[in-house]
Amino acid sequence: MMVEFLQVFLPIIIYILLIIILIVGIVLGIKSIKTISKVEKVVDDVNDKVKSLNGFFSIIDFTTDKIVSLTDKVVDGVSGLIGKIFKSKKNRKDEE
């Protein structure tokens, strides 16, 4: 009697649990699709804002390149001048 009850009752419980799991999966799938679409909107918005700042960053990049080239020239000139001063002192010592 107990075995017959379990043979009938357990499949019903398993089917009910599977239906519940299927419904939960469908709900989670729909919510994840909505979340992904919201994330895509945010990413697109951020991408548009970054593109609007590209001009500003290119100006900063151009300015820093010019400053670096100017400082390189100054450093080369100063190091050349210092090199000439020390070289001329060595030449004077060699002549003596």
PDB file of N, CA and C in Angstrom:
ATOM      1  N   MET A   1       0.817  -1.181   0.000  1.00  0.00           N
ATOM      2  CA  MET A   1       0.000   0.000   0.000  1.00  0.00           C
ATOM      3  C   MET A   1       0.866   1.251   0.000  1.00  0.00           C
ATOM      4  N   MET A   2       1.866   1.276   0.822  1.00  0.00           N
ATOM      5  CA  MET A   2       2.755   2.428   0.908  1.00  0.00           C
ATOM      6  C   MET A   2       3.563   2.596  -0.367  1.00  0.00           C
ATOM      7  N   VAL A   3       3.992   1.497  -0.958  1.00  0.00           N
ATOM      8  CA  VAL A   3       4.779   1.528  -2.182  1.00  0.00           C
ATOM      9  C   VAL A   3       3.929   2.074  -3.328  1.00  0.00           C
ATOM     10  N   GLU A   4       2.683   1.673  -3.407  1.00  0.00           N
ATOM     11  CA  GLU A   4       1.789   2.169  -4.452  1.00  0.00           C
ATOM     12  C   GLU A   4       1.576   3.680  -4.289  1.00  0.00           C
ATOM     13  N   PHE A   5       1.438   4.107  -3.055  1.00  0.00           N
ATOM     14  CA  PHE A   5       1.255   5.535  -2.794  1.00  0.00           C
ATOM     15  C   PHE A   5       2.480   6.327  -3.255  1.00  0.00           C
ATOM     16  N   LEU A   6       3.683   5.833  -2.940  1.00  0.00           N
ATOM     17  CA  LEU A   6       4.900   6.518  -3.333  1.00  0.00           C
ATOM     18  C   LEU A   6       5.084   6.501  -4.842  1.00  0.00           C
ATOM     19  N   GLN A   7       4.696   5.398  -5.513  1.00  0.00           N
ATOM     20  CA  GLN A   7       4.832   5.312  -6.963  1.00  0.00           C
ATOM     21  C   GLN A   7       3.905   6.305  -7.669  1.00  0.00           C
ATOM     22  N   VAL A   8       2.828   6.641  -7.061  1.00  0.00           N
ATOM     23  CA  VAL A   8       1.898   7.595  -7.664  1.00  0.00           C
ATOM     24  C   VAL A   8       2.227   9.023  -7.230  1.00  0.00           C
ATOM     25  N   PHE A   9       2.563   9.206  -5.983  1.00  0.00           N
ATOM     26  CA  PHE A   9       2.725  10.549  -5.426  1.00  0.00           C
ATOM     27  C   PHE A   9       4.072  11.180  -5.798  1.00  0.00           C
ATOM     28  N   LEU A  10       5.156  10.425  -5.807  1.00  0.00           N
ATOM     29  CA  LEU A  10       6.478  10.990  -6.096  1.00  0.00           C
ATOM     30  C   LEU A  10       6.589  11.562  -7.518  1.00  0.00           C
ATOM     31  N   PRO A  11       6.124  10.905  -8.554  1.00  0.00           N
ATOM     32  CA  PRO A  11       6.187  11.531  -9.886  1.00  0.00           C
ATOM     33  C   PRO A  11       5.411  12.852  -9.969  1.00  0.00           C
ATOM     34  N   ILE A  12       4.291  12.931  -9.260  1.00  0.00           N
ATOM     35  CA  ILE A  12       3.515  14.174  -9.252  1.00  0.00           C
ATOM     36  C   ILE A  12       4.331  15.290  -8.604  1.00  0.00           C
ATOM     37  N   ILE A  13       4.984  15.006  -7.492  1.00  0.00           N
ATOM     38  CA  ILE A  13       5.823  16.011  -6.819  1.00  0.00           C
ATOM     39  C   ILE A  13       6.987  16.421  -7.722  1.00  0.00           C
ATOM     40  N   ILE A  14       7.607  15.464  -8.384  1.00  0.00           N
ATOM     41  CA  ILE A  14       8.724  15.763  -9.283  1.00  0.00           C
ATOM     42  C   ILE A  14       8.256  16.641 -10.437  1.00  0.00           C
ATOM     43  N   TYR A  15       7.102  16.353 -11.031  1.00  0.00           N
ATOM     44  CA  TYR A  15       6.588  17.164 -12.135  1.00  0.00           C
ATOM     45  C   TYR A  15       6.276  18.587 -11.672  1.00  0.00           C
ATOM     46  N   ILE A  16       5.699  18.707 -10.496  1.00  0.00           N
ATOM     47  CA  ILE A  16       5.389  20.045  -9.958  1.00  0.00           C
ATOM     48  C   ILE A  16       6.673  20.832  -9.724  1.00  0.00           C
ATOM     49  N   LEU A  17       7.687  20.180  -9.158  1.00  0.00           N
ATOM     50  CA  LEU A  17       8.965  20.863  -8.923  1.00  0.00           C
ATOM     51  C   LEU A  17       9.626  21.257 -10.242  1.00  0.00           C
ATOM     52  N   LEU A  18       9.566  20.405 -11.253  1.00  0.00           N
ATOM     53  CA  LEU A  18      10.131  20.735 -12.560  1.00  0.00           C
ATOM     54  C   LEU A  18       9.405  21.910 -13.198  1.00  0.00           C
ATOM     55  N   ILE A  19       8.095  21.971 -13.050  1.00  0.00           N
ATOM     56  CA  ILE A  19       7.332  23.101 -13.583  1.00  0.00           C
ATOM     57  C   ILE A  19       7.738  24.389 -12.877  1.00  0.00           C
ATOM     58  N   ILE A  20       7.914  24.325 -11.560  1.00  0.00           N
ATOM     59  CA  ILE A  20       8.339  25.507 -10.795  1.00  0.00           C
ATOM     60  C   ILE A  20       9.726  25.950 -11.246  1.00  0.00           C
ATOM     61  N   ILE A  21      10.649  25.017 -11.422  1.00  0.00           N
ATOM     62  CA  ILE A  21      12.003  25.351 -11.880  1.00  0.00           C
ATOM     63  C   ILE A  21      11.967  25.966 -13.274  1.00  0.00           C
ATOM     64  N   LEU A  22      11.122  25.429 -14.150  1.00  0.00           N
ATOM     65  CA  LEU A  22      10.984  25.972 -15.505  1.00  0.00           C
ATOM     66  C   LEU A  22      10.453  27.401 -15.473  1.00  0.00           C
ATOM     67  N   ILE A  23       9.455  27.658 -14.645  1.00  0.00           N
ATOM     68  CA  ILE A  23       8.894  29.012 -14.534  1.00  0.00           C
ATOM     69  C   ILE A  23       9.934  29.975 -13.974  1.00  0.00           C
ATOM     70  N   VAL A  24      10.661  29.556 -12.948  1.00  0.00           N
ATOM     71  CA  VAL A  24      11.707  30.411 -12.376  1.00  0.00           C
ATOM     72  C   VAL A  24      12.789  30.702 -13.416  1.00  0.00           C
ATOM     73  N   GLY A  25      13.159  29.705 -14.197  1.00  0.00           N
ATOM     74  CA  GLY A  25      14.155  29.906 -15.251  1.00  0.00           C
ATOM     75  C   GLY A  25      13.689  30.893 -16.304  1.00  0.00           C
ATOM     76  N   ILE A  26      12.425  30.796 -16.694  1.00  0.00           N
ATOM     77  CA  ILE A  26      11.881  31.728 -17.682  1.00  0.00           C
ATOM     78  C   ILE A  26      11.875  33.145 -17.129  1.00  0.00           C
ATOM     79  N   VAL A  27      11.463  33.313 -15.885  1.00  0.00           N
ATOM     80  CA  VAL A  27      11.437  34.645 -15.269  1.00  0.00           C
ATOM     81  C   VAL A  27      12.848  35.213 -15.170  1.00  0.00           C
ATOM     82  N   LEU A  28      13.806  34.393 -14.751  1.00  0.00           N
ATOM     83  CA  LEU A  28      15.193  34.864 -14.662  1.00  0.00           C
ATOM     84  C   LEU A  28      15.752  35.218 -16.037  1.00  0.00           C
ATOM     85  N   GLY A  29      15.399  34.448 -17.053  1.00  0.00           N
ATOM     86  CA  GLY A  29      15.839  34.749 -18.414  1.00  0.00           C
ATOM     87  C   GLY A  29      15.300  36.084 -18.897  1.00  0.00           C
ATOM     88  N   ILE A  30      14.020  36.341 -18.645  1.00  0.00           N
ATOM     89  CA  ILE A  30      13.420  37.616 -19.059  1.00  0.00           C
ATOM     90  C   ILE A  30      14.068  38.780 -18.321  1.00  0.00           C
ATOM     91  N   LYS A  31      14.287  38.619 -17.018  1.00  0.00           N
ATOM     92  CA  LYS A  31      14.929  39.693 -16.246  1.00  0.00           C
ATOM     93  C   LYS A  31      16.363  39.933 -16.704  1.00  0.00           C
ATOM     94  N   SER A  32      17.079  38.868 -17.049  1.00  0.00           N
ATOM     95  CA  SER A  32      18.457  39.052 -17.511  1.00  0.00           C
ATOM     96  C   SER A  32      18.485  39.741 -18.875  1.00  0.00           C
ATOM     97  N   ILE A  33      17.518  39.461 -19.736  1.00  0.00           N
ATOM     98  CA  ILE A  33      17.445  40.146 -21.035  1.00  0.00           C
ATOM     99  C   ILE A  33      17.188  41.628 -20.824  1.00  0.00           C
ATOM    100  N   LYS A  34      16.289  41.980 -19.903  1.00  0.00           N
ATOM    101  CA  LYS A  34      16.026  43.397 -19.604  1.00  0.00           C
ATOM    102  C   LYS A  34      17.270  44.071 -19.043  1.00  0.00           C
ATOM    103  N   THR A  35      17.975  43.375 -18.153  1.00  0.00           N
ATOM    104  CA  THR A  35      19.186  43.948 -17.554  1.00  0.00           C
ATOM    105  C   THR A  35      20.255  44.159 -18.617  1.00  0.00           C
ATOM    106  N   ILE A  36      20.422  43.215 -19.516  1.00  0.00           N
ATOM    107  CA  ILE A  36      21.426  43.347 -20.577  1.00  0.00           C
ATOM    108  C   ILE A  36      21.093  44.521 -21.479  1.00  0.00           C
ATOM    109  N   SER A  37      19.803  44.729 -21.782  1.00  0.00           N
ATOM    110  CA  SER A  37      19.442  45.872 -22.630  1.00  0.00           C
ATOM    111  C   SER A  37      19.732  47.190 -21.914  1.00  0.00           C
ATOM    112  N   LYS A  38      19.508  47.242 -20.600  1.00  0.00           N
ATOM    113  CA  LYS A  38      19.837  48.461 -19.841  1.00  0.00           C
ATOM    114  C   LYS A  38      21.345  48.704 -19.835  1.00  0.00           C
ATOM    115  N   VAL A  39      22.120  47.643 -19.676  1.00  0.00           N
ATOM    116  CA  VAL A  39      23.574  47.772 -19.679  1.00  0.00           C
ATOM    117  C   VAL A  39      24.058  48.251 -21.041  1.00  0.00           C
ATOM    118  N   GLU A  40      23.445  47.763 -22.129  1.00  0.00           N
ATOM    119  CA  GLU A  40      23.823  48.209 -23.466  1.00  0.00           C
ATOM    120  C   GLU A  40      23.544  49.693 -23.644  1.00  0.00           C
ATOM    121  N   LYS A  41      22.429  50.182 -23.099  1.00  0.00           N
ATOM    122  CA  LYS A  41      22.120  51.615 -23.178  1.00  0.00           C
ATOM    123  C   LYS A  41      23.163  52.439 -22.442  1.00  0.00           C
ATOM    124  N   VAL A  42      23.564  51.981 -21.253  1.00  0.00           N
ATOM    125  CA  VAL A  42      24.576  52.701 -20.475  1.00  0.00           C
ATOM    126  C   VAL A  42      25.906  52.709 -21.213  1.00  0.00           C
ATOM    127  N   VAL A  43      26.291  51.576 -21.778  1.00  0.00           N
ATOM    128  CA  VAL A  43      27.557  51.487 -22.510  1.00  0.00           C
ATOM    129  C   VAL A  43      27.535  52.400 -23.731  1.00  0.00           C
ATOM    130  N   ASP A  44      26.422  52.437 -24.447  1.00  0.00           N
ATOM    131  CA  ASP A  44      26.304  53.322 -25.601  1.00  0.00           C
ATOM    132  C   ASP A  44      26.406  54.791 -25.182  1.00  0.00           C
ATOM    133  N   ASP A  45      25.779  55.142 -24.065  1.00  0.00           N
ATOM    134  CA  ASP A  45      25.841  56.515 -23.564  1.00  0.00           C
ATOM    135  C   ASP A  45      27.266  56.901 -23.186  1.00  0.00           C
ATOM    136  N   VAL A  46      27.948  56.005 -22.496  1.00  0.00           N
ATOM    137  CA  VAL A  46      29.340  56.267 -22.115  1.00  0.00           C
ATOM    138  C   VAL A  46      30.212  56.374 -23.352  1.00  0.00           C
ATOM    139  N   ASN A  47      29.971  55.528 -24.326  1.00  0.00           N
ATOM    140  CA  ASN A  47      30.737  55.559 -25.566  1.00  0.00           C
ATOM    141  C   ASN A  47      30.544  56.890 -26.289  1.00  0.00           C
ATOM    142  N   ASP A  48      29.316  57.390 -26.335  1.00  0.00           N
ATOM    143  CA  ASP A  48      29.054  58.688 -26.964  1.00  0.00           C
ATOM    144  C   ASP A  48      29.770  59.813 -26.225  1.00  0.00           C
ATOM    145  N   LYS A  49      29.770  59.768 -24.908  1.00  0.00           N
ATOM    146  CA  LYS A  49      30.438  60.815 -24.117  1.00  0.00           C
ATOM    147  C   LYS A  49      31.947  60.768 -24.312  1.00  0.00           C
ATOM    148  N   VAL A  50      32.506  59.585 -24.408  1.00  0.00           N
ATOM    149  CA  VAL A  50      33.947  59.462 -24.636  1.00  0.00           C
ATOM    150  C   VAL A  50      34.302  59.995 -26.016  1.00  0.00           C
ATOM    151  N   LYS A  51      33.475  59.708 -27.010  1.00  0.00           N
ATOM    152  CA  LYS A  51      33.727  60.219 -28.356  1.00  0.00           C
ATOM    153  C   LYS A  51      33.675  61.741 -28.382  1.00  0.00           C
ATOM    154  N   SER A  52      32.811  62.337 -27.570  1.00  0.00           N
ATOM    155  CA  SER A  52      32.734  63.799 -27.544  1.00  0.00           C
ATOM    156  C   SER A  52      33.976  64.409 -26.907  1.00  0.00           C
ATOM    157  N   LEU A  53      34.683  63.650 -26.089  1.00  0.00           N
ATOM    158  CA  LEU A  53      35.902  64.160 -25.446  1.00  0.00           C
ATOM    159  C   LEU A  53      37.165  63.891 -26.256  1.00  0.00           C
ATOM    160  N   ASN A  54      37.064  63.168 -27.364  1.00  0.00           N
ATOM    161  CA  ASN A  54      38.242  62.838 -28.165  1.00  0.00           C
ATOM    162  C   ASN A  54      38.954  64.083 -28.678  1.00  0.00           C
ATOM    163  N   GLY A  55      38.208  65.105 -29.083  1.00  0.00           N
ATOM    164  CA  GLY A  55      38.825  66.343 -29.555  1.00  0.00           C
ATOM    165  C   GLY A  55      39.643  67.011 -28.467  1.00  0.00           C
ATOM    166  N   PHE A  56      39.096  67.046 -27.271  1.00  0.00           N
ATOM    167  CA  PHE A  56      39.807  67.642 -26.135  1.00  0.00           C
ATOM    168  C   PHE A  56      41.094  66.881 -25.846  1.00  0.00           C
ATOM    169  N   PHE A  57      41.013  65.549 -25.865  1.00  0.00           N
ATOM    170  CA  PHE A  57      42.203  64.754 -25.590  1.00  0.00           C
ATOM    171  C   PHE A  57      43.246  64.889 -26.696  1.00  0.00           C
ATOM    172  N   SER A  58      42.805  65.057 -27.931  1.00  0.00           N
ATOM    173  CA  SER A  58      43.772  65.236 -29.009  1.00  0.00           C
ATOM    174  C   SER A  58      44.490  66.571 -28.873  1.00  0.00           C
ATOM    175  N   ILE A  59      43.786  67.607 -28.414  1.00  0.00           N
ATOM    176  CA  ILE A  59      44.437  68.906 -28.168  1.00  0.00           C
ATOM    177  C   ILE A  59      45.471  68.772 -27.054  1.00  0.00           C
ATOM    178  N   ILE A  60      45.114  68.089 -25.990  1.00  0.00           N
ATOM    179  CA  ILE A  60      46.058  67.883 -24.878  1.00  0.00           C
ATOM    180  C   ILE A  60      47.262  67.078 -25.360  1.00  0.00           C
ATOM    181  N   ASP A  61      47.033  66.055 -26.167  1.00  0.00           N
ATOM    182  CA  ASP A  61      48.124  65.229 -26.689  1.00  0.00           C
ATOM    183  C   ASP A  61      49.054  66.063 -27.563  1.00  0.00           C
ATOM    184  N   PHE A  62      48.498  66.897 -28.434  1.00  0.00           N
ATOM    185  CA  PHE A  62      49.307  67.758 -29.301  1.00  0.00           C
ATOM    186  C   PHE A  62      50.139  68.728 -28.456  1.00  0.00           C
ATOM    187  N   THR A  63      49.511  69.319 -27.436  1.00  0.00           N
ATOM    188  CA  THR A  63      50.216  70.279 -26.575  1.00  0.00           C
ATOM    189  C   THR A  63      51.352  69.605 -25.816  1.00  0.00           C
ATOM    190  N   THR A  64      51.108  68.444 -25.261  1.00  0.00           N
ATOM    191  CA  THR A  64      52.172  67.760 -24.516  1.00  0.00           C
ATOM    192  C   THR A  64      53.309  67.345 -25.442  1.00  0.00           C
ATOM    193  N   ASP A  65      52.981  66.941 -26.678  1.00  0.00           N
ATOM    194  CA  ASP A  65      54.041  66.602 -27.636  1.00  0.00           C
ATOM    195  C   ASP A  65      54.926  67.807 -27.925  1.00  0.00           C
ATOM    196  N   LYS A  66      54.330  68.976 -28.100  1.00  0.00           N
ATOM    197  CA  LYS A  66      55.111  70.186 -28.368  1.00  0.00           C
ATOM    198  C   LYS A  66      55.963  70.570 -27.164  1.00  0.00           C
ATOM    199  N   ILE A  67      55.401  70.449 -25.954  1.00  0.00           N
ATOM    200  CA  ILE A  67      56.160  70.774 -24.745  1.00  0.00           C
ATOM    201  C   ILE A  67      57.334  69.820 -24.586  1.00  0.00           C
ATOM    202  N   VAL A  68      57.110  68.553 -24.860  1.00  0.00           N
ATOM    203  CA  VAL A  68      58.181  67.552 -24.740  1.00  0.00           C
ATOM    204  C   VAL A  68      59.285  67.838 -25.746  1.00  0.00           C
ATOM    205  N   SER A  69      58.920  68.181 -26.980  1.00  0.00           N
ATOM    206  CA  SER A  69      59.955  68.468 -27.972  1.00  0.00           C
ATOM    207  C   SER A  69      60.744  69.717 -27.587  1.00  0.00           C
ATOM    208  N   LEU A  70      60.065  70.724 -27.028  1.00  0.00           N
ATOM    209  CA  LEU A  70      60.753  71.942 -26.583  1.00  0.00           C
ATOM    210  C   LEU A  70      61.710  71.637 -25.431  1.00  0.00           C
ATOM    211  N   THR A  71      61.256  70.879 -24.462  1.00  0.00           N
ATOM    212  CA  THR A  71      62.132  70.556 -23.334  1.00  0.00           C
ATOM    213  C   THR A  71      63.296  69.669 -23.774  1.00  0.00           C
ATOM    214  N   ASP A  72      63.057  68.786 -24.750  1.00  0.00           N
ATOM    215  CA  ASP A  72      64.158  67.968 -25.276  1.00  0.00           C
ATOM    216  C   ASP A  72      65.236  68.855 -25.902  1.00  0.00           C
ATOM    217  N   LYS A  73      64.815  69.852 -26.650  1.00  0.00           N
ATOM    218  CA  LYS A  73      65.783  70.762 -27.270  1.00  0.00           C
ATOM    219  C   LYS A  73      66.551  71.542 -26.215  1.00  0.00           C
ATOM    220  N   VAL A  74      65.865  72.015 -25.180  1.00  0.00           N
ATOM    221  CA  VAL A  74      66.537  72.761 -24.101  1.00  0.00           C
ATOM    222  C   VAL A  74      67.534  71.862 -23.380  1.00  0.00           C
ATOM    223  N   VAL A  75      67.124  70.641 -23.074  1.00  0.00           N
ATOM    224  CA  VAL A  75      68.019  69.721 -22.370  1.00  0.00           C
ATOM    225  C   VAL A  75      69.223  69.377 -23.242  1.00  0.00           C
ATOM    226  N   ASP A  76      69.012  69.154 -24.529  1.00  0.00           N
ATOM    227  CA  ASP A  76      70.133  68.872 -25.432  1.00  0.00           C
ATOM    228  C   ASP A  76      71.100  70.055 -25.492  1.00  0.00           C
ATOM    229  N   GLY A  77      70.552  71.270 -25.536  1.00  0.00           N
ATOM    230  CA  GLY A  77      71.411  72.453 -25.572  1.00  0.00           C
ATOM    231  C   GLY A  77      72.220  72.616 -24.302  1.00  0.00           C
ATOM    232  N   VAL A  78      71.577  72.446 -23.163  1.00  0.00           N
ATOM    233  CA  VAL A  78      72.274  72.588 -21.878  1.00  0.00           C
ATOM    234  C   VAL A  78      73.314  71.488 -21.725  1.00  0.00           C
ATOM    235  N   SER A  79      72.972  70.253 -22.089  1.00  0.00           N
ATOM    236  CA  SER A  79      73.954  69.167 -21.947  1.00  0.00           C
ATOM    237  C   SER A  79      75.115  69.373 -22.919  1.00  0.00           C
ATOM    238  N   GLY A  80      74.837  69.892 -24.111  1.00  0.00           N
ATOM    239  CA  GLY A  80      75.930  70.191 -25.042  1.00  0.00           C
ATOM    240  C   GLY A  80      76.837  71.283 -24.508  1.00  0.00           C
ATOM    241  N   LEU A  81      76.244  72.308 -23.910  1.00  0.00           N
ATOM    242  CA  LEU A  81      77.025  73.397 -23.326  1.00  0.00           C
ATOM    243  C   LEU A  81      77.888  72.892 -22.178  1.00  0.00           C
ATOM    244  N   ILE A  82      77.308  72.090 -21.309  1.00  0.00           N
ATOM    245  CA  ILE A  82      78.077  71.538 -20.189  1.00  0.00           C
ATOM    246  C   ILE A  82      79.171  70.614 -20.711  1.00  0.00           C
ATOM    247  N   GLY A  83      78.860  69.839 -21.730  1.00  0.00           N
ATOM    248  CA  GLY A  83      79.870  68.962 -22.323  1.00  0.00           C
ATOM    249  C   GLY A  83      81.029  69.751 -22.913  1.00  0.00           C
ATOM    250  N   LYS A  84      80.763  70.876 -23.552  1.00  0.00           N
ATOM    251  CA  LYS A  84      81.824  71.710 -24.122  1.00  0.00           C
ATOM    252  C   LYS A  84      82.689  72.307 -23.025  1.00  0.00           C
ATOM    253  N   ILE A  85      82.045  72.720 -21.922  1.00  0.00           N
ATOM    254  CA  ILE A  85      82.814  73.313 -20.817  1.00  0.00           C
ATOM    255  C   ILE A  85      83.780  72.276 -20.249  1.00  0.00           C
ATOM    256  N   PHE A  86      83.291  71.068 -19.960  1.00  0.00           N
ATOM    257  CA  PHE A  86      84.171  70.051 -19.390  1.00  0.00           C
ATOM    258  C   PHE A  86      85.191  69.567 -20.409  1.00  0.00           C
ATOM    259  N   LYS A  87      84.844  69.525 -21.671  1.00  0.00           N
ATOM    260  CA  LYS A  87      85.771  69.089 -22.700  1.00  0.00           C
ATOM    261  C   LYS A  87      86.900  70.103 -22.868  1.00  0.00           C
ATOM    262  N   SER A  88      86.543  71.385 -22.789  1.00  0.00           N
ATOM    263  CA  SER A  88      87.583  72.403 -22.924  1.00  0.00           C
ATOM    264  C   SER A  88      88.532  72.370 -21.727  1.00  0.00           C
ATOM    265  N   LYS A  89      88.054  72.046 -20.530  1.00  0.00           N
ATOM    266  CA  LYS A  89      88.933  71.929 -19.362  1.00  0.00           C
ATOM    267  C   LYS A  89      89.879  70.741 -19.536  1.00  0.00           C
ATOM    268  N   LYS A  90      89.370  69.633 -20.095  1.00  0.00           N
ATOM    269  CA  LYS A  90      90.221  68.467 -20.331  1.00  0.00           C
ATOM    270  C   LYS A  90      91.286  68.801 -21.376  1.00  0.00           C
ATOM    271  N   ASN A  91      90.887  69.533 -22.410  1.00  0.00           N
ATOM    272  CA  ASN A  91      91.850  69.913 -23.458  1.00  0.00           C
ATOM    273  C   ASN A  91      92.940  70.810 -22.879  1.00  0.00           C
ATOM    274  N   ARG A  92      92.593  71.727 -21.985  1.00  0.00           N
ATOM    275  CA  ARG A  92      93.600  72.610 -21.355  1.00  0.00           C
ATOM    276  C   ARG A  92      94.571  71.791 -20.506  1.00  0.00           C
ATOM    277  N   LYS A  93      94.056  70.797 -19.771  1.00  0.00           N
ATOM    278  CA  LYS A  93      94.935  69.968 -18.953  1.00  0.00           C
ATOM    279  C   LYS A  93      95.851  69.118 -19.827  1.00  0.00           C
ATOM    280  N   ASP A  94      95.321  68.628 -20.964  1.00  0.00           N
ATOM    281  CA  ASP A  94      96.123  67.823 -21.864  1.00  0.00           C
ATOM    282  C   ASP A  94      97.254  68.668 -22.494  1.00  0.00           C
ATOM    283  N   GLU A  95      96.969  69.948 -22.791  1.00  0.00           N
ATOM    284  CA  GLU A  95      97.969  70.812 -23.409  1.00  0.00           C
ATOM    285  C   GLU A  95      99.082  71.142 -22.420  1.00  0.00           C
ATOM    286  N   GLU A  96      98.742  71.215 -21.156  1.00  0.00           N
ATOM    287  CA  GLU A  96      99.751  71.558 -20.157  1.00  0.00           C
ATOM    288  C   GLU A  96     100.644  70.372 -19.931  1.00  0.00           C
TER     289      GLU A  96
END
